[in-house]
């Protein structure tokens, strides 16, 4: 594993011959990691017949440190860094699937893919966005403040199972999200760069959103948008797994049809 790149792991579709299908790149949530996806990458590889790459962003999981305080542009920075990972893994046609902060990183990637080292990363074939943040909502800030005030000890114990530096992850993420310098953060100016097809997935009971995120994204991107509302909270891939897998499978097949291998 390259020291200057994040920890990453490939998940392989079972009993599938080699094929040219575009791989899926998973982008985890604000307190997530490769291991926090649990069996979802394996199930996604099985459902789609595609290789799935999951990685720990800087400071997360088994990747190198990213000590607090974090910049208000930390998701923009991670979208730029994603281009280095995709080039290192020789991925020329990525299908990006992100959740929460990871979905925001996916939506930022088209605007940020040439911001690191002056070499553009590959354009995405499609983006699946689950529970993305396009701007800061009061409901989201209140929920994170509640975590900091009431659930910090229990949460940090849980994070210690997923991260080498759980305190840095929790403090860096929660502090920047609840800080005054983050209140005016948006990705409005970046969404116009999204010209590929998009699947937006949102839970109707999301405790981190009052419901305006999808409308903002739909109004600003230039790609063809499909929207899927589900009766769940902030984690559709955990709470409505079968629906999410089916929707992602259909989306991937539509944007990159699965042709049979050559004889």
C-alpha atoms as a PDB file:
ATOM      1  CA  UNK A   1       0.000   0.000   0.000  1.00  0.00           C
ATOM      2  CA  UNK A   2       1.494   3.350  -1.033  1.00  0.00           C
ATOM      3  CA  UNK A   3       2.311   5.485   2.009  1.00  0.00           C
ATOM      4  CA  UNK A   4       1.084   8.700   0.391  1.00  0.00           C
ATOM      5  CA  UNK A   5      -2.267   7.267  -0.680  1.00  0.00           C
ATOM      6  CA  UNK A   6      -5.192   6.286   1.558  1.00  0.00           C
ATOM      7  CA  UNK A   7      -5.863   2.775   2.726  1.00  0.00           C
ATOM      8  CA  UNK A   8      -8.084   1.070   0.172  1.00  0.00           C
ATOM      9  CA  UNK A   9      -9.561  -2.350  -0.532  1.00  0.00           C
ATOM     10  CA  UNK A  10     -11.047  -3.949  -3.631  1.00  0.00           C
ATOM     11  CA  UNK A  11     -14.161  -6.106  -3.444  1.00  0.00           C
ATOM     12  CA  UNK A  12     -14.590  -8.598  -6.278  1.00  0.00           C
ATOM     13  CA  UNK A  13     -17.824  -9.889  -7.806  1.00  0.00           C
ATOM     14  CA  UNK A  14     -18.041 -13.644  -7.157  1.00  0.00           C
ATOM     15  CA  UNK A  15     -17.769 -16.130 -10.009  1.00  0.00           C
ATOM     16  CA  UNK A  16     -17.565 -13.399 -12.654  1.00  0.00           C
ATOM     17  CA  UNK A  17     -15.164 -13.627 -15.601  1.00  0.00           C
ATOM     18  CA  UNK A  18     -12.892 -10.650 -16.277  1.00  0.00           C
ATOM     19  CA  UNK A  19     -14.845  -7.859 -17.925  1.00  0.00           C
ATOM     20  CA  UNK A  20     -14.590  -4.229 -18.960  1.00  0.00           C
ATOM     21  CA  UNK A  21     -17.366  -2.993 -16.708  1.00  0.00           C
ATOM     22  CA  UNK A  22     -16.630   0.325 -15.072  1.00  0.00           C
ATOM     23  CA  UNK A  23     -15.705  -0.159 -11.398  1.00  0.00           C
ATOM     24  CA  UNK A  24     -17.567   1.402  -8.497  1.00  0.00           C
ATOM     25  CA  UNK A  25     -15.729   3.685  -6.073  1.00  0.00           C
ATOM     26  CA  UNK A  26     -17.359   3.962  -2.630  1.00  0.00           C
ATOM     27  CA  UNK A  27     -17.029   7.205  -0.634  1.00  0.00           C
ATOM     28  CA  UNK A  28     -17.859   6.885   3.054  1.00  0.00           C
ATOM     29  CA  UNK A  29     -19.772   9.182   5.411  1.00  0.00           C
ATOM     30  CA  UNK A  30     -18.392  11.764   7.842  1.00  0.00           C
ATOM     31  CA  UNK A  31     -17.560   9.216  10.555  1.00  0.00           C
ATOM     32  CA  UNK A  32     -17.230   6.230   8.204  1.00  0.00           C
ATOM     33  CA  UNK A  33     -14.457   3.993   6.916  1.00  0.00           C
ATOM     34  CA  UNK A  34     -13.919   0.918   4.769  1.00  0.00           C
ATOM     35  CA  UNK A  35     -14.892  -1.370   7.650  1.00  0.00           C
ATOM     36  CA  UNK A  36     -17.964   0.719   8.515  1.00  0.00           C
ATOM     37  CA  UNK A  37     -19.503  -0.254   5.153  1.00  0.00           C
ATOM     38  CA  UNK A  38     -19.805  -3.791   6.635  1.00  0.00           C
ATOM     39  CA  UNK A  39     -21.015  -6.207   3.935  1.00  0.00           C
ATOM     40  CA  UNK A  40     -22.397  -3.526   1.620  1.00  0.00           C
ATOM     41  CA  UNK A  41     -19.360  -3.493  -0.755  1.00  0.00           C
ATOM     42  CA  UNK A  42     -19.531  -7.277  -1.167  1.00  0.00           C
ATOM     43  CA  UNK A  43     -23.263  -7.137  -1.834  1.00  0.00           C
ATOM     44  CA  UNK A  44     -22.812  -4.268  -4.254  1.00  0.00           C
ATOM     45  CA  UNK A  45     -20.152  -6.195  -6.183  1.00  0.00           C
ATOM     46  CA  UNK A  46     -22.484  -9.210  -6.345  1.00  0.00           C
ATOM     47  CA  UNK A  47     -25.504  -7.110  -7.398  1.00  0.00           C
ATOM     48  CA  UNK A  48     -23.690  -5.196 -10.149  1.00  0.00           C
ATOM     49  CA  UNK A  49     -21.073  -7.690 -11.342  1.00  0.00           C
ATOM     50  CA  UNK A  50     -18.462  -4.958 -10.934  1.00  0.00           C
ATOM     51  CA  UNK A  51     -15.318  -4.486  -8.909  1.00  0.00           C
ATOM     52  CA  UNK A  52     -15.871  -2.163  -5.953  1.00  0.00           C
ATOM     53  CA  UNK A  53     -13.139   0.008  -4.436  1.00  0.00           C
ATOM     54  CA  UNK A  54     -13.593   1.382  -0.918  1.00  0.00           C
ATOM     55  CA  UNK A  55     -11.036   3.589   0.783  1.00  0.00           C
ATOM     56  CA  UNK A  56     -10.465   5.473   4.022  1.00  0.00           C
ATOM     57  CA  UNK A  57     -10.122   9.203   3.426  1.00  0.00           C
ATOM     58  CA  UNK A  58      -7.255  11.085   5.089  1.00  0.00           C
ATOM     59  CA  UNK A  59      -7.392  10.654   8.863  1.00  0.00           C
ATOM     60  CA  UNK A  60     -10.069   7.956   8.711  1.00  0.00           C
ATOM     61  CA  UNK A  61      -9.875   4.206   9.297  1.00  0.00           C
ATOM     62  CA  UNK A  62      -6.387   2.916   8.538  1.00  0.00           C
ATOM     63  CA  UNK A  63      -5.222   5.923   6.503  1.00  0.00           C
ATOM     64  CA  UNK A  64      -2.618   8.436   7.639  1.00  0.00           C
ATOM     65  CA  UNK A  65      -3.329  11.325  10.014  1.00  0.00           C
ATOM     66  CA  UNK A  66      -5.504  14.373   9.363  1.00  0.00           C
ATOM     67  CA  UNK A  67      -5.376  16.194  12.711  1.00  0.00           C
ATOM     68  CA  UNK A  68      -7.948  18.845  13.651  1.00  0.00           C
ATOM     69  CA  UNK A  69      -8.853  21.575  13.101  1.00  0.00           C
ATOM     70  CA  UNK A  70     -10.121  20.762   9.627  1.00  0.00           C
ATOM     71  CA  UNK A  71     -10.559  23.323   6.895  1.00  0.00           C
ATOM     72  CA  UNK A  72     -14.139  24.330   5.976  1.00  0.00           C
ATOM     73  CA  UNK A  73     -13.171  23.104   2.501  1.00  0.00           C
ATOM     74  CA  UNK A  74     -12.230  19.627   3.712  1.00  0.00           C
ATOM     75  CA  UNK A  75     -14.743  17.939   1.380  1.00  0.00           C
ATOM     76  CA  UNK A  76     -13.504  20.022  -1.565  1.00  0.00           C
ATOM     77  CA  UNK A  77      -9.955  18.947  -0.685  1.00  0.00           C
ATOM     78  CA  UNK A  78     -10.965  15.286  -0.530  1.00  0.00           C
ATOM     79  CA  UNK A  79     -12.665  15.559  -3.921  1.00  0.00           C
ATOM     80  CA  UNK A  80      -9.399  16.836  -5.365  1.00  0.00           C
ATOM     81  CA  UNK A  81      -7.394  14.085  -3.662  1.00  0.00           C
ATOM     82  CA  UNK A  82      -9.751  11.492  -5.146  1.00  0.00           C
ATOM     83  CA  UNK A  83      -8.235  12.158  -8.566  1.00  0.00           C
ATOM     84  CA  UNK A  84      -4.846  10.932  -7.283  1.00  0.00           C
ATOM     85  CA  UNK A  85      -6.372   7.702  -6.016  1.00  0.00           C
ATOM     86  CA  UNK A  86      -8.231   7.028  -9.254  1.00  0.00           C
ATOM     87  CA  UNK A  87      -5.097   7.598 -11.315  1.00  0.00           C
ATOM     88  CA  UNK A  88      -3.027   5.406  -8.987  1.00  0.00           C
ATOM     89  CA  UNK A  89      -5.557   2.587  -9.355  1.00  0.00           C
ATOM     90  CA  UNK A  90      -5.687   3.189 -13.144  1.00  0.00           C
ATOM     91  CA  UNK A  91      -9.449   3.731 -13.071  1.00  0.00           C
ATOM     92  CA  UNK A  92     -10.442   5.441 -16.295  1.00  0.00           C
ATOM     93  CA  UNK A  93     -14.254   5.272 -16.009  1.00  0.00           C
ATOM     94  CA  UNK A  94     -15.310   5.474 -12.363  1.00  0.00           C
ATOM     95  CA  UNK A  95     -18.834   5.107 -11.068  1.00  0.00           C
ATOM     96  CA  UNK A  96     -18.890   7.076  -7.826  1.00  0.00           C
ATOM     97  CA  UNK A  97     -21.195   5.968  -4.998  1.00  0.00           C
ATOM     98  CA  UNK A  98     -21.102   8.173  -1.922  1.00  0.00           C
ATOM     99  CA  UNK A  99     -22.971   8.467   1.351  1.00  0.00           C
ATOM    100  CA  UNK A 100     -23.475  11.699   3.358  1.00  0.00           C
ATOM    101  CA  UNK A 101     -20.137  13.596   3.326  1.00  0.00           C
ATOM    102  CA  UNK A 102     -18.929  10.993   0.831  1.00  0.00           C
ATOM    103  CA  UNK A 103     -21.847  11.798  -1.456  1.00  0.00           C
ATOM    104  CA  UNK A 104     -20.862  15.458  -1.270  1.00  0.00           C
ATOM    105  CA  UNK A 105     -17.291  14.518  -2.186  1.00  0.00           C
ATOM    106  CA  UNK A 106     -18.644  12.597  -5.185  1.00  0.00           C
ATOM    107  CA  UNK A 107     -20.692  15.595  -6.336  1.00  0.00           C
ATOM    108  CA  UNK A 108     -17.690  17.901  -5.884  1.00  0.00           C
ATOM    109  CA  UNK A 109     -15.312  15.636  -7.777  1.00  0.00           C
ATOM    110  CA  UNK A 110     -16.132  16.830 -11.319  1.00  0.00           C
ATOM    111  CA  UNK A 111     -15.316  20.422 -10.326  1.00  0.00           C
ATOM    112  CA  UNK A 112     -12.217  19.448  -8.335  1.00  0.00           C
ATOM    113  CA  UNK A 113     -10.715  16.612 -10.380  1.00  0.00           C
ATOM    114  CA  UNK A 114      -7.955  18.767 -11.904  1.00  0.00           C
ATOM    115  CA  UNK A 115      -7.135  20.700  -8.730  1.00  0.00           C
ATOM    116  CA  UNK A 116      -4.277  18.455  -7.513  1.00  0.00           C
ATOM    117  CA  UNK A 117      -0.903  18.170  -9.246  1.00  0.00           C
ATOM    118  CA  UNK A 118      -2.290  19.921 -12.318  1.00  0.00           C
ATOM    119  CA  UNK A 119      -3.402  16.652 -13.940  1.00  0.00           C
ATOM    120  CA  UNK A 120      -7.110  15.992 -14.385  1.00  0.00           C
ATOM    121  CA  UNK A 121      -8.540  12.835 -12.923  1.00  0.00           C
ATOM    122  CA  UNK A 122     -10.883  10.677 -14.995  1.00  0.00           C
ATOM    123  CA  UNK A 123     -14.392  11.981 -15.601  1.00  0.00           C
ATOM    124  CA  UNK A 124     -17.043   9.927 -13.783  1.00  0.00           C
ATOM    125  CA  UNK A 125     -19.499   7.868 -15.820  1.00  0.00           C
ATOM    126  CA  UNK A 126     -22.158   8.411 -13.178  1.00  0.00           C
ATOM    127  CA  UNK A 127     -22.677   9.443  -9.569  1.00  0.00           C
ATOM    128  CA  UNK A 128     -24.904   7.854  -6.941  1.00  0.00           C
ATOM    129  CA  UNK A 129     -25.481  10.262  -4.071  1.00  0.00           C
ATOM    130  CA  UNK A 130     -27.035   9.000  -0.830  1.00  0.00           C
ATOM    131  CA  UNK A 131     -28.008  11.630   1.772  1.00  0.00           C
ATOM    132  CA  UNK A 132     -25.689  14.313   0.375  1.00  0.00           C
ATOM    133  CA  UNK A 133     -25.072  17.728   1.897  1.00  0.00           C
ATOM    134  CA  UNK A 134     -25.150  20.662  -0.526  1.00  0.00           C
ATOM    135  CA  UNK A 135     -25.412  23.329   2.169  1.00  0.00           C
ATOM    136  CA  UNK A 136     -25.485  23.557   5.967  1.00  0.00           C
ATOM    137  CA  UNK A 137     -28.880  23.032   7.591  1.00  0.00           C
ATOM    138  CA  UNK A 138     -29.748  23.895  11.183  1.00  0.00           C
ATOM    139  CA  UNK A 139     -31.149  20.408  11.741  1.00  0.00           C
ATOM    140  CA  UNK A 140     -27.785  18.869  10.800  1.00  0.00           C
ATOM    141  CA  UNK A 141     -25.832  21.178  13.098  1.00  0.00           C
ATOM    142  CA  UNK A 142     -28.218  20.460  15.978  1.00  0.00           C
ATOM    143  CA  UNK A 143     -27.820  16.705  15.532  1.00  0.00           C
ATOM    144  CA  UNK A 144     -24.025  16.927  15.530  1.00  0.00           C
ATOM    145  CA  UNK A 145     -24.085  19.182  18.606  1.00  0.00           C
ATOM    146  CA  UNK A 146     -26.258  16.560  20.289  1.00  0.00           C
ATOM    147  CA  UNK A 147     -23.653  13.913  19.485  1.00  0.00           C
ATOM    148  CA  UNK A 148     -20.898  16.084  20.924  1.00  0.00           C
ATOM    149  CA  UNK A 149     -22.855  16.786  24.104  1.00  0.00           C
ATOM    150  CA  UNK A 150     -24.636  13.529  24.833  1.00  0.00           C
ATOM    151  CA  UNK A 151     -23.202  10.586  22.927  1.00  0.00           C
ATOM    152  CA  UNK A 152     -19.502  11.414  22.669  1.00  0.00           C
ATOM    153  CA  UNK A 153     -18.133   8.651  24.918  1.00  0.00           C
ATOM    154  CA  UNK A 154     -20.236   5.834  23.486  1.00  0.00           C
ATOM    155  CA  UNK A 155     -19.628   7.038  19.954  1.00  0.00           C
ATOM    156  CA  UNK A 156     -15.886   7.276  20.424  1.00  0.00           C
ATOM    157  CA  UNK A 157     -15.797   3.695  21.722  1.00  0.00           C
ATOM    158  CA  UNK A 158     -17.589   2.613  18.565  1.00  0.00           C
ATOM    159  CA  UNK A 159     -15.263   4.704  16.406  1.00  0.00           C
ATOM    160  CA  UNK A 160     -12.223   3.070  18.024  1.00  0.00           C
ATOM    161  CA  UNK A 161     -13.221  -0.171  16.320  1.00  0.00           C
ATOM    162  CA  UNK A 162     -13.154   1.529  12.910  1.00  0.00           C
ATOM    163  CA  UNK A 163     -10.375   4.106  13.113  1.00  0.00           C
ATOM    164  CA  UNK A 164      -6.733   4.258  14.198  1.00  0.00           C
ATOM    165  CA  UNK A 165      -7.304   7.849  15.423  1.00  0.00           C
ATOM    166  CA  UNK A 166     -10.936   7.965  16.604  1.00  0.00           C
ATOM    167  CA  UNK A 167     -10.546  11.179  18.635  1.00  0.00           C
ATOM    168  CA  UNK A 168      -9.092  13.064  15.660  1.00  0.00           C
ATOM    169  CA  UNK A 169     -11.907  11.825  13.418  1.00  0.00           C
ATOM    170  CA  UNK A 170     -14.666  12.797  15.824  1.00  0.00           C
ATOM    171  CA  UNK A 171     -13.175  16.139  16.830  1.00  0.00           C
ATOM    172  CA  UNK A 172     -12.136  17.181  13.318  1.00  0.00           C
ATOM    173  CA  UNK A 173     -15.467  16.290  11.716  1.00  0.00           C
ATOM    174  CA  UNK A 174     -17.830  17.494  14.452  1.00  0.00           C
ATOM    175  CA  UNK A 175     -15.928  20.709  15.183  1.00  0.00           C
ATOM    176  CA  UNK A 176     -15.852  21.926  11.594  1.00  0.00           C
ATOM    177  CA  UNK A 177     -19.506  21.056  10.971  1.00  0.00           C
ATOM    178  CA  UNK A 178     -20.654  22.998  14.046  1.00  0.00           C
ATOM    179  CA  UNK A 179     -18.272  25.960  13.687  1.00  0.00           C
ATOM    180  CA  UNK A 180     -19.295  29.484  12.743  1.00  0.00           C
ATOM    181  CA  UNK A 181     -16.807  29.461   9.865  1.00  0.00           C
ATOM    182  CA  UNK A 182     -18.746  26.604   8.228  1.00  0.00           C
ATOM    183  CA  UNK A 183     -22.233  28.134   8.389  1.00  0.00           C
ATOM    184  CA  UNK A 184     -22.117  29.671   4.900  1.00  0.00           C
ATOM    185  CA  UNK A 185     -20.531  26.638   3.246  1.00  0.00           C
ATOM    186  CA  UNK A 186     -22.256  25.366   0.080  1.00  0.00           C
ATOM    187  CA  UNK A 187     -21.355  23.493  -3.087  1.00  0.00           C
ATOM    188  CA  UNK A 188     -23.646  25.637  -5.268  1.00  0.00           C
ATOM    189  CA  UNK A 189     -20.798  26.996  -7.383  1.00  0.00           C
ATOM    190  CA  UNK A 190     -19.407  23.500  -8.007  1.00  0.00           C
ATOM    191  CA  UNK A 191     -22.492  21.551  -9.020  1.00  0.00           C
ATOM    192  CA  UNK A 192     -22.650  22.956 -12.563  1.00  0.00           C
ATOM    193  CA  UNK A 193     -19.574  20.841 -13.363  1.00  0.00           C
ATOM    194  CA  UNK A 194     -21.633  17.668 -12.835  1.00  0.00           C
ATOM    195  CA  UNK A 195     -22.615  16.676 -16.385  1.00  0.00           C
ATOM    196  CA  UNK A 196     -22.818  12.888 -15.953  1.00  0.00           C
ATOM    197  CA  UNK A 197     -26.008  11.009 -14.979  1.00  0.00           C
ATOM    198  CA  UNK A 198     -26.878  11.165 -11.282  1.00  0.00           C
ATOM    199  CA  UNK A 199     -28.969   9.033  -8.954  1.00  0.00           C
ATOM    200  CA  UNK A 200     -30.022  10.894  -5.807  1.00  0.00           C
ATOM    201  CA  UNK A 201     -31.184   8.721  -2.898  1.00  0.00           C
ATOM    202  CA  UNK A 202     -32.706  10.307   0.188  1.00  0.00           C
ATOM    203  CA  UNK A 203     -34.472   9.048   3.293  1.00  0.00           C
ATOM    204  CA  UNK A 204     -37.745  10.793   4.047  1.00  0.00           C
ATOM    205  CA  UNK A 205     -36.992  10.507   7.801  1.00  0.00           C
ATOM    206  CA  UNK A 206     -33.427  11.827   7.591  1.00  0.00           C
ATOM    207  CA  UNK A 207     -32.492  13.309  10.984  1.00  0.00           C
ATOM    208  CA  UNK A 208     -29.677  15.310   9.367  1.00  0.00           C
ATOM    209  CA  UNK A 209     -31.793  17.058   6.723  1.00  0.00           C
ATOM    210  CA  UNK A 210     -35.070  18.957   6.590  1.00  0.00           C
ATOM    211  CA  UNK A 211     -35.506  17.990   2.938  1.00  0.00           C
ATOM    212  CA  UNK A 212     -34.066  20.830   0.880  1.00  0.00           C
ATOM    213  CA  UNK A 213     -30.804  19.189  -0.170  1.00  0.00           C
ATOM    214  CA  UNK A 214     -32.109  17.277  -3.191  1.00  0.00           C
ATOM    215  CA  UNK A 215     -33.928  20.276  -4.598  1.00  0.00           C
ATOM    216  CA  UNK A 216     -30.747  22.348  -4.423  1.00  0.00           C
ATOM    217  CA  UNK A 217     -28.735  19.633  -6.179  1.00  0.00           C
ATOM    218  CA  UNK A 218     -31.359  18.989  -8.853  1.00  0.00           C
ATOM    219  CA  UNK A 219     -31.552  22.693  -9.681  1.00  0.00           C
ATOM    220  CA  UNK A 220     -27.790  23.141 -10.026  1.00  0.00           C
ATOM    221  CA  UNK A 221     -26.328  20.111 -11.834  1.00  0.00           C
ATOM    222  CA  UNK A 222     -26.212  19.686 -15.600  1.00  0.00           C
ATOM    223  CA  UNK A 223     -26.469  15.907 -15.706  1.00  0.00           C
ATOM    224  CA  UNK A 224     -29.626  13.817 -16.055  1.00  0.00           C
ATOM    225  CA  UNK A 225     -31.029  13.289 -12.543  1.00  0.00           C
ATOM    226  CA  UNK A 226     -33.047  10.388 -11.139  1.00  0.00           C
ATOM    227  CA  UNK A 227     -34.373  10.707  -7.593  1.00  0.00           C
ATOM    228  CA  UNK A 228     -35.307   7.928  -5.190  1.00  0.00           C
ATOM    229  CA  UNK A 229     -37.035   8.713  -1.883  1.00  0.00           C
ATOM    230  CA  UNK A 230     -37.091   5.925   0.682  1.00  0.00           C
ATOM    231  CA  UNK A 231     -38.858   5.508   4.019  1.00  0.00           C
ATOM    232  CA  UNK A 232     -35.705   5.569   6.121  1.00  0.00           C
ATOM    233  CA  UNK A 233     -33.330   7.777   8.082  1.00  0.00           C
ATOM    234  CA  UNK A 234     -29.851   8.997   7.058  1.00  0.00           C
ATOM    235  CA  UNK A 235     -28.434   5.575   6.103  1.00  0.00           C
ATOM    236  CA  UNK A 236     -30.401   4.184   3.123  1.00  0.00           C
ATOM    237  CA  UNK A 237     -27.801   1.504   2.368  1.00  0.00           C
ATOM    238  CA  UNK A 238     -28.302   0.073   5.886  1.00  0.00           C
ATOM    239  CA  UNK A 239     -32.017   0.684   6.386  1.00  0.00           C
ATOM    240  CA  UNK A 240     -33.333  -0.035   2.880  1.00  0.00           C
ATOM    241  CA  UNK A 241     -30.498  -2.168   1.557  1.00  0.00           C
ATOM    242  CA  UNK A 242     -32.393  -4.201  -1.028  1.00  0.00           C
ATOM    243  CA  UNK A 243     -33.995  -1.121  -2.568  1.00  0.00           C
ATOM    244  CA  UNK A 244     -30.659   0.686  -2.683  1.00  0.00           C
ATOM    245  CA  UNK A 245     -28.804  -2.250  -4.230  1.00  0.00           C
ATOM    246  CA  UNK A 246     -31.475  -2.681  -6.905  1.00  0.00           C
ATOM    247  CA  UNK A 247     -31.498   1.042  -7.703  1.00  0.00           C
ATOM    248  CA  UNK A 248     -27.710   1.263  -7.953  1.00  0.00           C
ATOM    249  CA  UNK A 249     -27.578  -1.889 -10.062  1.00  0.00           C
ATOM    250  CA  UNK A 250     -30.124  -0.517 -12.523  1.00  0.00           C
ATOM    251  CA  UNK A 251     -28.380   2.858 -12.632  1.00  0.00           C
ATOM    252  CA  UNK A 252     -24.951   1.344 -13.308  1.00  0.00           C
ATOM    253  CA  UNK A 253     -26.343  -0.850 -16.073  1.00  0.00           C
ATOM    254  CA  UNK A 254     -28.023   2.134 -17.681  1.00  0.00           C
ATOM    255  CA  UNK A 255     -24.936   4.353 -17.750  1.00  0.00           C
ATOM    256  CA  UNK A 256     -22.510   1.497 -18.548  1.00  0.00           C
ATOM    257  CA  UNK A 257     -24.392  -1.443 -20.114  1.00  0.00           C
ATOM    258  CA  UNK A 258     -22.994  -4.806 -19.105  1.00  0.00           C
ATOM    259  CA  UNK A 259     -21.964  -6.465 -22.332  1.00  0.00           C
ATOM    260  CA  UNK A 260     -21.207 -10.208 -22.249  1.00  0.00           C
ATOM    261  CA  UNK A 261     -17.493 -11.084 -22.313  1.00  0.00           C
ATOM    262  CA  UNK A 262     -15.942 -11.926 -25.673  1.00  0.00           C
ATOM    263  CA  UNK A 263     -15.749 -15.640 -26.472  1.00  0.00           C
END
